[in-house]
Amino acid sequence: MTVLVVTGTGTGVGKTTVISAIAALSVAAGRRVAVLKPAQTGLDVAQPGDVDEVRRLAGPSVTCRELVRFPHPLAPASAARLAGLIPVTTAAAAAVARELAAEHDLLLIEGTGGLLVHLDDSGGTLADVAAALSAPVLVVATAGLGTLNHTALTVEALRTRRLSCVGTVIGAWPAEPDLAARCNLDDLPAVTGLPLLGVLPEGAGCLTPAQFLALARRGLEPGLLALGWWSLKTGATGVGGP
């Protein structure tokens, strides 16, 4: 099975945009794609969530699953406790992931917040889900000041757990990048020892699906192809078509 876990260095870093871009590229190449969001927080039932954004940008053929939703904008374990609801466990998330992966060419799993945010009161995290699935992890980072430390800590946590990290992506590149952001293009790979696979601009989620796919081809596809992992795991020579 082919599974990629996507985590962030924190919340609001562009994980959903990056997952949408990978999904859009895969769909354009004729792949069967699924996206799993184990826990959505900070939204009422009637509000569109991250999986709805993925479906809008990458197309209706993407299978999207959200396992639990809590209204408070907190870590899933805290949000479940406050709402008096049952949290999702890492075992439950991994079980659904295996089912989806068996029926699709690519499964993308989106975390909530950062890598070590608790899903339940037993301390289960997205890292545990990745470990249960033996799945590689992609780290989405911010562009500006502070991202070197946050990203290095996330990568170090993955290495401590002996989890494979395929690289990093900047999920929301500012329209007017400052000095720190510009320097981080070189410094992120140096600090993490991992490739910076791509950069997606802030506001990308406001584009039409066609515009978004074109942007994904410019900002993310070259890095995925150069990585080699992408073509090997999908069994293709490319993910975006000509």
Protein backbone atom coordinates (compact mmCIF):
# COMPACT_ATOMS: atom_id res chain seq x y z
CA MET A 1 0.00 0.00 0.00
CA THR A 2 1.06 3.59 -0.52
CA VAL A 3 0.54 5.94 2.40
CA LEU A 4 1.97 9.38 3.10
CA VAL A 5 1.42 11.07 6.45
CA VAL A 6 1.45 14.87 6.29
CA THR A 7 2.20 16.78 9.46
CA GLY A 8 2.97 20.40 10.19
CA THR A 9 5.31 22.26 12.46
CA GLY A 10 2.15 23.68 14.02
CA THR A 11 -1.35 24.73 13.11
CA GLY A 12 -2.22 26.95 10.15
CA VAL A 13 0.95 26.15 8.21
CA GLY A 14 -0.74 24.96 5.00
CA LYS A 15 -1.08 21.20 5.47
CA THR A 16 -4.46 21.08 3.73
CA THR A 17 -3.13 23.07 0.78
CA VAL A 18 -0.16 20.73 0.39
CA ILE A 19 -2.33 17.62 0.63
CA SER A 20 -4.72 19.12 -1.92
CA ALA A 21 -1.80 19.76 -4.27
CA ILE A 22 -0.49 16.20 -4.00
CA ALA A 23 -4.01 14.85 -4.46
CA ALA A 24 -4.64 17.07 -7.49
CA LEU A 25 -1.40 15.95 -9.15
CA SER A 26 -2.23 12.31 -8.48
CA VAL A 27 -5.77 12.58 -9.80
CA ALA A 28 -4.47 14.29 -12.95
CA ALA A 29 -2.23 11.26 -13.46
CA GLY A 30 -5.17 8.89 -13.19
CA ARG A 31 -4.51 7.67 -9.66
CA ARG A 32 -7.14 6.60 -7.15
CA VAL A 33 -6.57 8.93 -4.20
CA ALA A 34 -7.94 8.96 -0.67
CA VAL A 35 -7.47 11.56 2.07
CA LEU A 36 -7.96 10.74 5.75
CA LYS A 37 -8.38 13.36 8.48
CA PRO A 38 -8.46 11.45 11.79
CA ALA A 39 -9.62 14.45 13.83
CA GLN A 40 -11.05 17.83 12.80
CA THR A 41 -11.27 20.46 15.51
CA GLY A 42 -12.58 24.00 15.74
CA LEU A 43 -15.61 23.52 13.48
CA ASP A 44 -19.28 22.78 13.94
CA VAL A 45 -20.86 19.88 12.08
CA ALA A 46 -22.42 22.14 9.43
CA GLN A 47 -19.15 23.90 8.55
CA PRO A 48 -16.91 22.65 5.72
CA GLY A 49 -13.74 21.02 7.00
CA ASP A 50 -10.29 20.27 5.65
CA VAL A 51 -11.46 17.25 3.65
CA ASP A 52 -14.09 19.42 1.96
CA GLU A 53 -11.35 21.84 0.91
CA VAL A 54 -9.33 18.95 -0.52
CA ARG A 55 -12.34 17.72 -2.47
CA ARG A 56 -13.02 21.20 -3.82
CA LEU A 57 -9.45 21.76 -5.00
CA ALA A 58 -8.50 18.24 -6.12
CA GLY A 59 -11.85 17.08 -7.46
CA PRO A 60 -14.81 14.92 -6.45
CA SER A 61 -13.04 11.69 -7.36
CA VAL A 62 -10.90 11.96 -4.22
CA THR A 63 -12.23 9.75 -1.43
CA CYS A 64 -12.30 11.88 1.71
CA ARG A 65 -12.84 10.61 5.25
CA GLU A 66 -13.07 12.57 8.48
CA LEU A 67 -13.32 10.30 11.51
CA VAL A 68 -14.28 12.68 14.33
CA ARG A 69 -15.06 16.38 14.71
CA PHE A 70 -14.98 18.60 17.77
CA PRO A 71 -16.20 22.21 17.91
CA HIS A 72 -13.44 23.67 20.08
CA PRO A 73 -10.17 24.79 18.41
CA LEU A 74 -7.95 22.66 20.62
CA ALA A 75 -5.83 19.55 20.41
CA PRO A 76 -8.13 16.60 19.62
CA ALA A 77 -7.77 15.01 23.06
CA SER A 78 -8.60 18.29 24.82
CA ALA A 79 -11.40 19.12 22.39
CA ALA A 80 -13.01 15.70 22.86
CA ARG A 81 -12.80 15.95 26.64
CA LEU A 82 -14.32 19.44 26.70
CA ALA A 83 -17.16 18.43 24.38
CA GLY A 84 -17.83 15.19 26.24
CA LEU A 85 -17.24 13.19 23.08
CA ILE A 86 -15.21 10.07 22.32
CA PRO A 87 -11.78 10.82 20.81
CA VAL A 88 -10.25 8.91 17.94
CA THR A 89 -7.48 6.51 18.89
CA THR A 90 -4.35 5.81 16.90
CA ALA A 91 -5.49 2.20 16.47
CA ALA A 92 -8.82 3.31 15.01
CA ALA A 93 -7.13 5.79 12.67
CA ALA A 94 -4.63 3.17 11.50
CA ALA A 95 -7.40 0.63 10.90
CA VAL A 96 -9.37 3.00 8.66
CA ALA A 97 -6.13 3.98 6.90
CA ARG A 98 -5.41 0.35 6.02
CA GLU A 99 -8.90 -0.07 4.58
CA LEU A 100 -8.57 3.05 2.43
CA ALA A 101 -5.04 2.21 1.31
CA ALA A 102 -6.16 -1.22 0.15
CA GLU A 103 -8.64 0.37 -2.25
CA HIS A 104 -6.58 3.32 -3.53
CA ASP A 105 -3.23 4.00 -5.17
CA LEU A 106 -2.36 6.74 -2.70
CA LEU A 107 -3.61 7.56 0.79
CA LEU A 108 -2.76 10.93 2.32
CA ILE A 109 -3.26 11.33 6.07
CA GLU A 110 -3.55 14.86 7.45
CA GLY A 111 -2.72 15.51 11.06
CA THR A 112 -4.22 18.11 13.38
CA GLY A 113 -1.67 20.74 14.39
CA GLY A 114 1.80 19.34 14.88
CA LEU A 115 3.29 15.86 15.02
CA LEU A 116 2.98 15.23 18.76
CA VAL A 117 -0.46 16.72 19.42
CA HIS A 118 -2.47 14.21 21.46
CA LEU A 119 -5.34 12.49 19.71
CA ASP A 120 -6.68 10.93 22.92
CA ASP A 121 -5.97 10.90 26.65
CA SER A 122 -3.65 7.92 26.34
CA GLY A 123 -1.17 10.18 24.56
CA GLY A 124 -1.50 8.77 21.07
CA THR A 125 -0.20 11.03 18.31
CA LEU A 126 0.07 11.26 14.55
CA ALA A 127 3.59 9.88 14.93
CA ASP A 128 2.07 6.73 16.40
CA VAL A 129 -0.29 6.44 13.43
CA ALA A 130 2.67 6.72 11.06
CA ALA A 131 4.55 4.09 13.06
CA ALA A 132 1.59 1.70 13.02
CA LEU A 133 1.41 1.99 9.24
CA SER A 134 5.20 2.08 8.65
CA ALA A 135 4.40 5.18 6.58
CA PRO A 136 6.77 7.99 5.61
CA VAL A 137 6.06 11.53 6.76
CA LEU A 138 6.12 14.87 4.95
CA VAL A 139 6.60 17.99 7.08
CA VAL A 140 4.85 21.24 6.15
CA ALA A 141 6.59 24.32 7.52
CA THR A 142 6.11 28.06 7.63
CA ALA A 143 8.33 30.41 5.66
CA GLY A 144 9.54 33.00 8.13
CA LEU A 145 11.38 33.58 11.38
CA GLY A 146 11.22 30.66 13.81
CA THR A 147 10.62 27.96 11.24
CA LEU A 148 14.15 26.57 11.42
CA ASN A 149 13.77 25.60 15.07
CA HIS A 150 10.20 24.32 14.71
CA THR A 151 11.04 22.23 11.66
CA ALA A 152 14.27 20.86 13.11
CA LEU A 153 12.43 19.79 16.27
CA THR A 154 9.76 18.00 14.23
CA VAL A 155 12.34 16.21 12.11
CA GLU A 156 14.34 15.26 15.21
CA ALA A 157 11.21 13.79 16.80
CA LEU A 158 10.64 11.69 13.68
CA ARG A 159 14.21 10.45 13.68
CA THR A 160 14.04 9.62 17.39
CA ARG A 161 11.04 7.42 16.61
CA ARG A 162 12.85 5.95 13.58
CA LEU A 163 10.18 7.25 11.23
CA SER A 164 11.07 8.11 7.65
CA CYS A 165 10.74 11.76 6.66
CA VAL A 166 10.76 12.39 2.92
CA GLY A 167 11.29 16.13 3.11
CA THR A 168 9.69 19.48 3.83
CA VAL A 169 7.35 21.84 2.01
CA ILE A 170 6.63 25.48 2.73
CA GLY A 171 2.86 25.61 2.77
CA ALA A 172 2.19 29.36 2.54
CA TRP A 173 4.89 31.44 0.89
CA PRO A 174 4.20 35.16 1.47
CA ALA A 175 3.56 37.53 -1.41
CA GLU A 176 6.35 39.75 -0.08
CA PRO A 177 8.87 37.48 1.63
CA ASP A 178 11.16 39.09 4.18
CA LEU A 179 14.86 38.42 4.67
CA ALA A 180 14.27 35.47 7.00
CA ALA A 181 11.92 33.76 4.56
CA ARG A 182 14.32 34.18 1.66
CA CYS A 183 17.23 32.81 3.69
CA ASN A 184 15.16 29.88 4.90
CA LEU A 185 14.95 28.48 1.38
CA ASP A 186 18.61 27.52 1.79
CA ASP A 187 18.68 27.13 5.56
CA LEU A 188 15.80 24.66 5.94
CA PRO A 189 17.57 21.87 4.01
CA ALA A 190 20.82 22.64 5.82
CA VAL A 191 19.22 22.50 9.28
CA THR A 192 17.05 19.43 8.70
CA GLY A 193 19.28 17.46 6.35
CA LEU A 194 16.22 16.91 4.17
CA PRO A 195 15.21 18.32 0.78
CA LEU A 196 12.85 21.26 0.52
CA LEU A 197 10.46 19.66 -1.96
CA GLY A 198 8.39 22.68 -2.84
CA VAL A 199 6.85 26.02 -1.99
CA LEU A 200 3.18 26.90 -2.35
CA PRO A 201 2.04 30.53 -2.13
CA GLU A 202 -0.31 31.81 0.54
CA GLY A 203 -3.86 32.13 -0.71
CA ALA A 204 -3.54 29.13 -3.02
CA GLY A 205 -6.75 27.72 -1.64
CA CYS A 206 -8.69 30.59 -3.20
CA LEU A 207 -7.85 29.46 -6.73
CA THR A 208 -10.08 27.49 -9.05
CA PRO A 209 -9.27 23.76 -9.34
CA ALA A 210 -7.65 24.30 -12.75
CA GLN A 211 -5.53 27.19 -11.47
CA PHE A 212 -4.62 25.19 -8.38
CA LEU A 213 -3.44 22.21 -10.43
CA ALA A 214 -1.25 24.47 -12.56
CA LEU A 215 0.22 25.95 -9.39
CA ALA A 216 0.86 22.49 -7.92
CA ARG A 217 2.71 21.51 -11.08
CA ARG A 218 4.97 24.54 -10.75
CA GLY A 219 5.47 24.58 -7.01
CA LEU A 220 5.47 20.96 -5.90
CA GLU A 221 5.67 18.46 -8.75
CA PRO A 222 9.38 19.02 -9.58
CA GLY A 223 10.42 18.29 -6.01
CA LEU A 224 8.32 15.15 -5.82
CA LEU A 225 9.74 13.86 -9.08
CA ALA A 226 13.31 14.67 -8.09
CA LEU A 227 12.82 12.84 -4.82
CA GLY A 228 12.38 9.51 -6.61
CA TRP A 229 10.15 8.27 -3.78
CA TRP A 230 7.12 9.59 -5.61
CA SER A 231 7.56 7.75 -8.88
CA LEU A 232 8.71 4.59 -7.09
CA LYS A 233 5.73 4.40 -4.75
CA THR A 234 3.10 5.30 -7.30
CA GLY A 235 4.61 3.07 -9.96
CA ALA A 236 4.74 5.97 -12.43
CA THR A 237 7.33 8.07 -14.18
CA GLY A 238 5.51 11.28 -13.33
CA VAL A 239 2.60 12.61 -11.34
CA GLY A 240 1.40 15.55 -13.31
CA GLY A 241 1.26 14.51 -16.93
CA PRO A 242 2.93 16.44 -19.74
